[in-house]
Amino acid sequence: QVQVVESGGGLAQAGGSLRLSCAASGFTIAGRAMSWYRQVPGKERDLVATINNGGVPWYADSVKGRFTISRDNHENTVYLYMNSLKPEDTAAYYCNRRFETIPWGQGTQVTVSS
């Protein structure tokens, strides 16, 4: 079964850090661009960061300099390191293939308190 499972979310204080993990199964992330997205209730899902198959990252302006995306092809896992968290980072975070997306996972909730 092709799927991703996100984990690592939780409650953090402003200025704190979290590490999110995205474990893929049923397909290999090697050779694919992978992305993290986030969504707050009532709004569209926004692209946060992408890492291409060569390891080159792209970030939304809102997280640039604070978040780092990485990949471990051997573990078939994508990570999102979130530093200097802000209350506006509060959202459900999802990962997916950047192209040829698969059904969305359950996501992992990140809540940042001020």
C-alpha atoms as a PDB file:
ATOM      1  CA  GLN A   1       0.000   0.000   0.000  1.00  0.00           C
ATOM      2  CA  VAL A   2       1.375   3.353  -1.055  1.00  0.00           C
ATOM      3  CA  GLN A   3       1.247   5.714   1.903  1.00  0.00           C
ATOM      4  CA  VAL A   4       3.063   8.212   4.091  1.00  0.00           C
ATOM      5  CA  VAL A   5       2.841   8.488   7.844  1.00  0.00           C
ATOM      6  CA  GLU A   6       3.697  11.776   9.510  1.00  0.00           C
ATOM      7  CA  SER A   7       4.825  12.039  13.124  1.00  0.00           C
ATOM      8  CA  GLY A   8       6.670  14.276  15.541  1.00  0.00           C
ATOM      9  CA  GLY A   9       4.168  17.063  16.037  1.00  0.00           C
ATOM     10  CA  GLY A  10       3.115  18.378  19.390  1.00  0.00           C
ATOM     11  CA  LEU A  11       2.967  21.442  21.561  1.00  0.00           C
ATOM     12  CA  ALA A  12       5.886  23.857  21.555  1.00  0.00           C
ATOM     13  CA  GLN A  13       6.527  27.304  22.900  1.00  0.00           C
ATOM     14  CA  ALA A  14       7.350  30.191  20.633  1.00  0.00           C
ATOM     15  CA  GLY A  15      11.043  30.055  19.852  1.00  0.00           C
ATOM     16  CA  GLY A  16      11.155  26.323  20.351  1.00  0.00           C
ATOM     17  CA  SER A  17      11.895  23.475  17.982  1.00  0.00           C
ATOM     18  CA  LEU A  18      10.292  20.330  16.678  1.00  0.00           C
ATOM     19  CA  ARG A  19      11.327  17.627  14.223  1.00  0.00           C
ATOM     20  CA  LEU A  20       8.703  16.083  11.992  1.00  0.00           C
ATOM     21  CA  SER A  21       9.170  12.741  10.263  1.00  0.00           C
ATOM     22  CA  CYS A  22       7.480  11.342   7.186  1.00  0.00           C
ATOM     23  CA  ALA A  23       7.856   7.609   6.723  1.00  0.00           C
ATOM     24  CA  ALA A  24       6.987   6.430   3.230  1.00  0.00           C
ATOM     25  CA  SER A  25       5.937   2.914   2.354  1.00  0.00           C
ATOM     26  CA  GLY A  26       4.830   1.169  -0.822  1.00  0.00           C
ATOM     27  CA  PHE A  27       7.151   3.347  -2.886  1.00  0.00           C
ATOM     28  CA  THR A  28      10.675   4.629  -2.687  1.00  0.00           C
ATOM     29  CA  ILE A  29      11.368   8.298  -2.144  1.00  0.00           C
ATOM     30  CA  ALA A  30      14.675   8.019  -3.973  1.00  0.00           C
ATOM     31  CA  GLY A  31      14.442   9.803  -7.270  1.00  0.00           C
ATOM     32  CA  ARG A  32      11.380  11.762  -6.213  1.00  0.00           C
ATOM     33  CA  ALA A  33      10.889  15.283  -4.971  1.00  0.00           C
ATOM     34  CA  MET A  34       9.176  15.240  -1.581  1.00  0.00           C
ATOM     35  CA  SER A  35       7.358  18.067   0.146  1.00  0.00           C
ATOM     36  CA  TRP A  36       5.904  19.201   3.418  1.00  0.00           C
ATOM     37  CA  TYR A  37       2.611  21.082   3.513  1.00  0.00           C
ATOM     38  CA  ARG A  38       0.560  22.623   6.288  1.00  0.00           C
ATOM     39  CA  GLN A  39      -3.086  23.432   6.735  1.00  0.00           C
ATOM     40  CA  VAL A  40      -5.148  25.334   9.254  1.00  0.00           C
ATOM     41  CA  PRO A  41      -8.903  24.767   9.534  1.00  0.00           C
ATOM     42  CA  GLY A  42     -10.886  26.586   6.899  1.00  0.00           C
ATOM     43  CA  LYS A  43      -7.882  27.303   4.697  1.00  0.00           C
ATOM     44  CA  GLU A  44      -6.170  25.584   1.816  1.00  0.00           C
ATOM     45  CA  ARG A  45      -3.182  23.341   2.293  1.00  0.00           C
ATOM     46  CA  ASP A  46      -0.009  25.367   1.709  1.00  0.00           C
ATOM     47  CA  LEU A  47       3.345  24.162   0.438  1.00  0.00           C
ATOM     48  CA  VAL A  48       6.016  24.710   3.097  1.00  0.00           C
ATOM     49  CA  ALA A  49       9.157  23.040   1.788  1.00  0.00           C
ATOM     50  CA  THR A  50      10.332  20.729  -0.983  1.00  0.00           C
ATOM     51  CA  ILE A  51      13.480  18.694  -1.419  1.00  0.00           C
ATOM     52  CA  ASN A  52      14.281  17.436  -4.877  1.00  0.00           C
ATOM     53  CA  ASN A  53      15.854  14.103  -5.711  1.00  0.00           C
ATOM     54  CA  GLY A  54      19.274  15.729  -5.634  1.00  0.00           C
ATOM     55  CA  GLY A  55      18.768  17.060  -2.123  1.00  0.00           C
ATOM     56  CA  VAL A  56      18.249  20.696  -3.115  1.00  0.00           C
ATOM     57  CA  PRO A  57      15.659  22.363  -0.881  1.00  0.00           C
ATOM     58  CA  TRP A  58      13.053  25.030  -1.525  1.00  0.00           C
ATOM     59  CA  TYR A  59      11.206  26.905   1.231  1.00  0.00           C
ATOM     60  CA  ALA A  60       8.189  29.150   1.453  1.00  0.00           C
ATOM     61  CA  ASP A  61       9.158  32.675   2.465  1.00  0.00           C
ATOM     62  CA  SER A  62       7.286  32.283   5.736  1.00  0.00           C
ATOM     63  CA  VAL A  63       9.625  29.529   6.953  1.00  0.00           C
ATOM     64  CA  LYS A  64      12.866  30.338   5.172  1.00  0.00           C
ATOM     65  CA  GLY A  65      15.778  30.457   7.583  1.00  0.00           C
ATOM     66  CA  ARG A  66      13.822  28.637  10.302  1.00  0.00           C
ATOM     67  CA  PHE A  67      12.853  25.280   8.802  1.00  0.00           C
ATOM     68  CA  THR A  68      15.116  22.674   7.229  1.00  0.00           C
ATOM     69  CA  ILE A  69      13.916  19.810   5.065  1.00  0.00           C
ATOM     70  CA  SER A  70      16.045  16.728   4.634  1.00  0.00           C
ATOM     71  CA  ARG A  71      15.728  13.196   3.324  1.00  0.00           C
ATOM     72  CA  ASP A  72      17.136   9.790   4.154  1.00  0.00           C
ATOM     73  CA  ASN A  73      16.671   7.587   1.125  1.00  0.00           C
ATOM     74  CA  HIS A  74      17.943   4.524   2.968  1.00  0.00           C
ATOM     75  CA  GLU A  75      15.285   4.977   5.655  1.00  0.00           C
ATOM     76  CA  ASN A  76      12.713   6.079   3.051  1.00  0.00           C
ATOM     77  CA  THR A  77      11.966   9.025   5.313  1.00  0.00           C
ATOM     78  CA  VAL A  78      11.716  12.788   4.940  1.00  0.00           C
ATOM     79  CA  TYR A  79      12.253  15.165   7.844  1.00  0.00           C
ATOM     80  CA  LEU A  80      11.299  18.734   8.652  1.00  0.00           C
ATOM     81  CA  TYR A  81      13.350  20.462  11.325  1.00  0.00           C
ATOM     82  CA  MET A  82      11.426  23.405  12.667  1.00  0.00           C
ATOM     83  CA  ASN A  83      13.305  26.031  14.670  1.00  0.00           C
ATOM     84  CA  SER A  84      12.372  29.456  16.036  1.00  0.00           C
ATOM     85  CA  LEU A  85       8.747  28.410  15.988  1.00  0.00           C
ATOM     86  CA  LYS A  86       6.051  31.065  15.880  1.00  0.00           C
ATOM     87  CA  PRO A  87       2.378  30.861  16.838  1.00  0.00           C
ATOM     88  CA  GLU A  88       1.532  31.292  13.159  1.00  0.00           C
ATOM     89  CA  ASP A  89       3.262  27.966  12.470  1.00  0.00           C
ATOM     90  CA  THR A  90       0.367  26.259  14.246  1.00  0.00           C
ATOM     91  CA  ALA A  91      -1.186  23.871  11.723  1.00  0.00           C
ATOM     92  CA  ALA A  92      -1.559  20.260  10.706  1.00  0.00           C
ATOM     93  CA  TYR A  93       1.537  19.245   8.754  1.00  0.00           C
ATOM     94  CA  TYR A  94       1.471  16.753   5.903  1.00  0.00           C
ATOM     95  CA  CYS A  95       4.032  15.304   3.560  1.00  0.00           C
ATOM     96  CA  ASN A  96       3.564  13.989   0.050  1.00  0.00           C
ATOM     97  CA  ARG A  97       5.309  13.486  -3.225  1.00  0.00           C
ATOM     98  CA  ARG A  98       5.770  16.871  -4.869  1.00  0.00           C
ATOM     99  CA  PHE A  99       4.483  15.449  -8.137  1.00  0.00           C
ATOM    100  CA  GLU A 100       2.132  12.527  -8.713  1.00  0.00           C
ATOM    101  CA  THR A 101       0.756  12.929  -5.219  1.00  0.00           C
ATOM    102  CA  ILE A 102      -0.629   9.964  -3.329  1.00  0.00           C
ATOM    103  CA  PRO A 103      -3.580   9.955  -0.895  1.00  0.00           C
ATOM    104  CA  TRP A 104      -2.877  12.280   2.001  1.00  0.00           C
ATOM    105  CA  GLY A 105      -1.892  10.867   5.345  1.00  0.00           C
ATOM    106  CA  GLN A 106      -3.413  11.874   8.654  1.00  0.00           C
ATOM    107  CA  GLY A 107      -0.816  14.539   9.208  1.00  0.00           C
ATOM    108  CA  THR A 108       0.716  15.619  12.482  1.00  0.00           C
ATOM    109  CA  GLN A 109      -0.528  18.583  14.496  1.00  0.00           C
ATOM    110  CA  VAL A 110       1.870  21.319  15.526  1.00  0.00           C
ATOM    111  CA  THR A 111       0.680  23.848  18.069  1.00  0.00           C
ATOM    112  CA  VAL A 112       2.895  26.768  19.047  1.00  0.00           C
ATOM    113  CA  SER A 113       1.987  28.800  22.101  1.00  0.00           C
ATOM    114  CA  SER A 114       3.037  32.388  22.580  1.00  0.00           C
END
